Amino acid sequence: MKTVPECSYVARTIGGNDFEFDIHFCRHREFLTFMDSLLNSYEGKIRDYSYNLSTKFYHVNYLPVDRT
């Protein structure tokens, strides 16, 4: 996953079968195409997957600045 420019996070686990990563695409179709290629590359090794789809992003200001 390090070679995929859209990938921003990878979680590795010890034991178990979970593999978690964050990946960001501008279009949902791009994501589906990527997942199809991933499933084809690891045929028989990926049983299922789930994902969260964000349709709107909000700006969060963690360090508010007093501008008075």
Protein backbone atom coordinates (compact mmCIF):
# COMPACT_ATOMS: atom_id res chain seq x y z
CA MET A 1 0.00 0.00 0.00
CA LYS A 2 2.99 2.33 0.38
CA THR A 3 3.20 2.61 -3.40
CA VAL A 4 -0.40 3.88 -3.73
CA PRO A 5 -0.33 7.70 -3.63
CA GLU A 6 -3.95 7.93 -2.42
CA CYS A 7 -3.15 5.82 0.69
CA SER A 8 -2.62 7.92 3.81
CA TYR A 9 -2.66 5.30 6.59
CA VAL A 10 -1.93 1.59 7.07
CA ALA A 11 -2.53 -0.35 10.30
CA ARG A 12 -0.63 -3.59 10.79
CA THR A 13 -1.81 -6.16 13.31
CA ILE A 14 0.00 -9.01 15.00
CA GLY A 15 -2.00 -12.18 14.59
CA GLY A 16 -5.51 -12.09 13.25
CA ASN A 17 -6.51 -11.42 9.69
CA ASP A 18 -7.32 -7.72 9.74
CA PHE A 19 -5.70 -5.24 7.39
CA GLU A 20 -6.80 -1.62 7.67
CA PHE A 21 -5.90 1.38 5.54
CA ASP A 22 -7.20 4.83 4.69
CA ILE A 23 -7.37 5.72 1.05
CA HIS A 24 -8.80 8.84 -0.55
CA PHE A 25 -10.19 9.15 -4.05
CA CYS A 26 -12.07 12.05 -5.62
CA ARG A 27 -14.66 9.76 -7.15
CA HIS A 28 -16.34 6.63 -5.84
CA ARG A 29 -15.81 4.91 -9.21
CA GLU A 30 -12.01 5.31 -8.75
CA PHE A 31 -12.28 3.54 -5.40
CA LEU A 32 -14.30 0.67 -6.88
CA THR A 33 -11.78 0.28 -9.70
CA PHE A 34 -8.93 0.20 -7.16
CA MET A 35 -10.72 -2.42 -5.04
CA ASP A 36 -11.40 -4.57 -8.11
CA SER A 37 -7.70 -4.53 -8.97
CA LEU A 38 -6.78 -5.31 -5.34
CA LEU A 39 -9.20 -8.24 -5.24
CA ASN A 40 -7.81 -9.55 -8.55
CA SER A 41 -4.22 -9.19 -7.32
CA TYR A 42 -4.96 -11.16 -4.14
CA GLU A 43 -7.50 -13.57 -5.56
CA GLY A 44 -8.75 -16.00 -2.94
CA LYS A 45 -7.01 -14.18 -0.08
CA ILE A 46 -9.56 -11.40 0.51
CA ARG A 47 -12.87 -12.86 1.64
CA ASP A 48 -14.74 -9.62 2.16
CA TYR A 49 -14.23 -5.95 2.89
CA SER A 50 -16.12 -2.99 4.27
CA TYR A 51 -15.64 0.72 3.77
CA ASN A 52 -16.93 4.11 4.90
CA LEU A 53 -17.92 6.62 2.26
CA SER A 54 -17.63 10.32 3.10
CA THR A 55 -19.82 12.46 0.89
CA LYS A 56 -19.11 15.81 2.51
CA PHE A 57 -16.05 17.12 4.34
CA TYR A 58 -16.16 19.79 7.01
CA HIS A 59 -13.28 21.96 8.13
CA VAL A 60 -12.36 21.43 11.77
CA ASN A 61 -10.27 24.05 13.54
CA TYR A 62 -8.45 22.25 16.36
CA LEU A 63 -6.44 25.32 17.36
CA PRO A 64 -8.76 28.32 17.29
CA VAL A 65 -7.00 31.66 17.13
CA ASP A 66 -8.43 34.76 18.76
CA ARG A 67 -8.33 37.36 15.97
CA THR A 68 -9.43 40.36 18.01
